[in-house]
Structures are given as C-alpha cells and as structure tokens.
Amino acid sequence: MAIGATLVFLPLALVGGIEAFVGHGTLSSLFYALWDSTFAVGIVLAVLSFFRRRLNSQGPLRRNLSRNVFTVYVIHAFVVTAAGYALSVVDLPTLAKFAIGAVVVLPVCFLLAGPIRRIPGVRRVL
C-alpha cells in the first residue's frame, strides 16, 4: 500500500511543486494528502505484519518488561517530572535535556517497577 501510494500519488503531488506541501486547495495538495494518508496506513500495516511474523515470541527480558509495563505507565509521570526538575538546573539545549531524560527515565521506570510491584497488595492492582 505504501509503495503503491508512492508510485501513484507522490509523482502527481510533486507536479505542482511546493504548493502541494502548503495546501491552498490545489490538485497537487489533494494528491499529497492522499499520498500522505495512504503511505502512513501502509507503513503501519507493514510494521504490524513484520512484528507478527518475526517478533512474535517473548524471551525472559521481554516477559519481565511486559509484566512491569502497566506499573511503568502509572509511575512514569512522577519520574519524568523529577527528571525534568533535576535537569532544569543544567545549562544545556532543550533537545540535549530531552535526550538525557529519555535515556535515563526509561530504565529508571522499569527498575522502580519491580520493587513497587513487590509491595504487599500492590501486585493485585498493578
């Protein structure tokens, strides 16, 4: 679907030049919108098909991560907020702070999820 959309709609969109990307109700913008939507759906279907065929089993690491993912969902806002406050005193560009936060926060959330789930009574909820 993505390849077909690229072969059919993208060349028709590019005939109009830059106008396809800015809109203004031109025929080129219509073809660009058709390509964009169809390409996105095609890529999603391709990725789903790939994961269904190639990555459909769990090893010990994936099993452990999947057990803790709901707990991570519940606690991640607190961890992200704490990391944001901690990084607010560092003089770095925003994108660098985001990258540092992403690399640090994800493992910390999963490392905290295991001990939190071991608290008596919490496992039934999380």
Protein backbone atom coordinates (compact mmCIF):
# COMPACT_ATOMS: atom_id res chain seq x y z
CA MET A 1 0.00 0.00 0.00
CA ALA A 2 2.82 2.42 0.90
CA ILE A 3 4.75 1.56 -2.27
CA GLY A 4 1.63 1.87 -4.42
CA ALA A 5 0.78 5.24 -2.92
CA THR A 6 4.33 6.44 -3.51
CA LEU A 7 4.27 5.29 -7.12
CA VAL A 8 0.84 6.77 -7.90
CA PHE A 9 0.12 9.78 -5.67
CA LEU A 10 3.56 11.22 -4.91
CA PRO A 11 4.56 11.96 -8.52
CA LEU A 12 1.16 13.59 -9.07
CA ALA A 13 1.68 15.71 -5.96
CA LEU A 14 5.16 16.78 -6.98
CA VAL A 15 3.98 18.02 -10.38
CA GLY A 16 2.60 21.13 -8.67
CA GLY A 17 5.88 21.99 -6.95
CA ILE A 18 5.97 23.35 -3.40
CA GLU A 19 2.24 24.15 -3.44
CA ALA A 20 1.48 20.51 -2.63
CA PHE A 21 3.13 20.89 0.73
CA VAL A 22 1.48 24.15 1.75
CA GLY A 23 -2.06 23.32 0.66
CA HIS A 24 -4.27 26.10 -0.71
CA GLY A 25 -6.74 23.63 -2.23
CA THR A 26 -4.73 22.78 -5.32
CA LEU A 27 -4.89 19.48 -7.15
CA SER A 28 -1.29 18.82 -6.10
CA SER A 29 -2.19 19.29 -2.43
CA LEU A 30 -5.04 16.79 -2.86
CA PHE A 31 -2.63 14.20 -4.25
CA TYR A 32 -0.14 14.97 -1.48
CA ALA A 33 -2.85 14.47 1.16
CA LEU A 34 -3.87 11.19 -0.47
CA TRP A 35 -0.25 10.04 -0.61
CA ASP A 36 0.43 11.07 3.00
CA SER A 37 -2.56 9.22 4.45
CA THR A 38 -2.23 6.12 2.29
CA PHE A 39 1.52 5.92 2.87
CA ALA A 40 1.07 6.20 6.66
CA VAL A 41 -1.55 3.44 6.74
CA GLY A 42 0.61 1.26 4.50
CA ILE A 43 3.65 1.68 6.75
CA VAL A 44 1.60 0.85 9.86
CA LEU A 45 0.26 -2.31 8.20
CA ALA A 46 3.76 -3.30 7.08
CA VAL A 47 5.19 -2.83 10.57
CA LEU A 48 2.33 -4.82 12.14
CA SER A 49 2.86 -7.62 9.65
CA PHE A 50 6.62 -7.62 10.26
CA PHE A 51 6.24 -7.84 14.03
CA ARG A 52 3.59 -10.55 13.75
CA ARG A 53 5.86 -12.69 11.56
CA ARG A 54 9.31 -12.01 13.05
CA LEU A 55 8.95 -10.85 16.65
CA ASN A 56 6.04 -12.87 17.98
CA SER A 57 7.77 -14.61 20.87
CA GLN A 58 8.94 -13.48 24.29
CA GLY A 59 12.26 -14.20 25.85
CA PRO A 60 12.96 -13.67 29.55
CA LEU A 61 13.72 -9.96 29.13
CA ARG A 62 10.56 -9.18 27.13
CA ARG A 63 8.47 -11.23 29.55
CA ASN A 64 9.83 -9.26 32.51
CA LEU A 65 9.30 -5.94 30.74
CA SER A 66 5.73 -6.85 29.78
CA ARG A 67 4.92 -7.81 33.39
CA ASN A 68 6.02 -4.38 34.57
CA VAL A 69 4.73 -2.17 31.77
CA PHE A 70 1.48 -1.12 33.47
CA THR A 71 3.37 -0.14 36.62
CA VAL A 72 5.73 1.90 34.45
CA TYR A 73 2.70 3.57 32.88
CA VAL A 74 1.40 4.51 36.33
CA ILE A 75 4.70 5.81 37.77
CA HIS A 76 6.34 7.36 34.71
CA ALA A 77 4.77 10.80 35.19
CA PHE A 78 6.39 11.12 38.62
CA VAL A 79 9.78 10.00 37.32
CA VAL A 80 9.61 12.28 34.26
CA THR A 81 8.65 15.24 36.46
CA ALA A 82 11.51 14.55 38.86
CA ALA A 83 13.96 14.24 35.96
CA GLY A 84 12.64 17.48 34.49
CA TYR A 85 13.21 19.33 37.74
CA ALA A 86 16.67 17.80 38.07
CA LEU A 87 17.61 18.79 34.51
CA SER A 88 16.21 22.32 34.89
CA VAL A 89 19.37 23.42 36.70
CA VAL A 90 21.64 22.10 33.94
CA ASP A 91 22.60 24.62 31.25
CA LEU A 92 22.05 22.57 28.09
CA PRO A 93 19.87 22.97 25.00
CA THR A 94 16.35 21.59 25.36
CA LEU A 95 16.95 18.77 22.87
CA ALA A 96 20.00 17.59 24.81
CA LYS A 97 17.99 17.61 28.05
CA PHE A 98 15.26 15.61 26.32
CA ALA A 99 17.78 13.03 25.09
CA ILE A 100 19.38 12.70 28.53
CA GLY A 101 15.98 12.45 30.16
CA ALA A 102 14.77 9.79 27.73
CA VAL A 103 17.89 7.67 28.15
CA VAL A 104 17.74 7.91 31.94
CA VAL A 105 13.99 7.90 32.65
CA LEU A 106 13.02 4.74 30.76
CA PRO A 107 15.43 2.39 32.54
CA VAL A 108 14.73 4.05 35.90
CA CYS A 109 10.99 3.50 35.46
CA PHE A 110 11.49 -0.20 34.73
CA LEU A 111 13.97 -0.55 37.60
CA LEU A 112 11.46 1.00 40.01
CA ALA A 113 8.52 -1.05 38.73
CA GLY A 114 9.79 -4.38 40.07
CA PRO A 115 10.21 -3.29 43.70
CA ILE A 116 6.93 -1.37 43.62
CA ARG A 117 5.06 -4.48 42.45
CA ARG A 118 6.58 -6.48 45.37
CA ILE A 119 4.86 -4.24 47.94
CA PRO A 120 2.13 -6.35 49.60
CA GLY A 121 -1.24 -5.80 47.96
CA VAL A 122 0.13 -3.72 45.10
CA ARG A 123 0.58 -6.65 42.72
CA ARG A 124 -3.20 -7.19 42.61
CA VAL A 125 -3.67 -3.64 41.36
CA LEU A 126 -0.57 -3.21 39.21
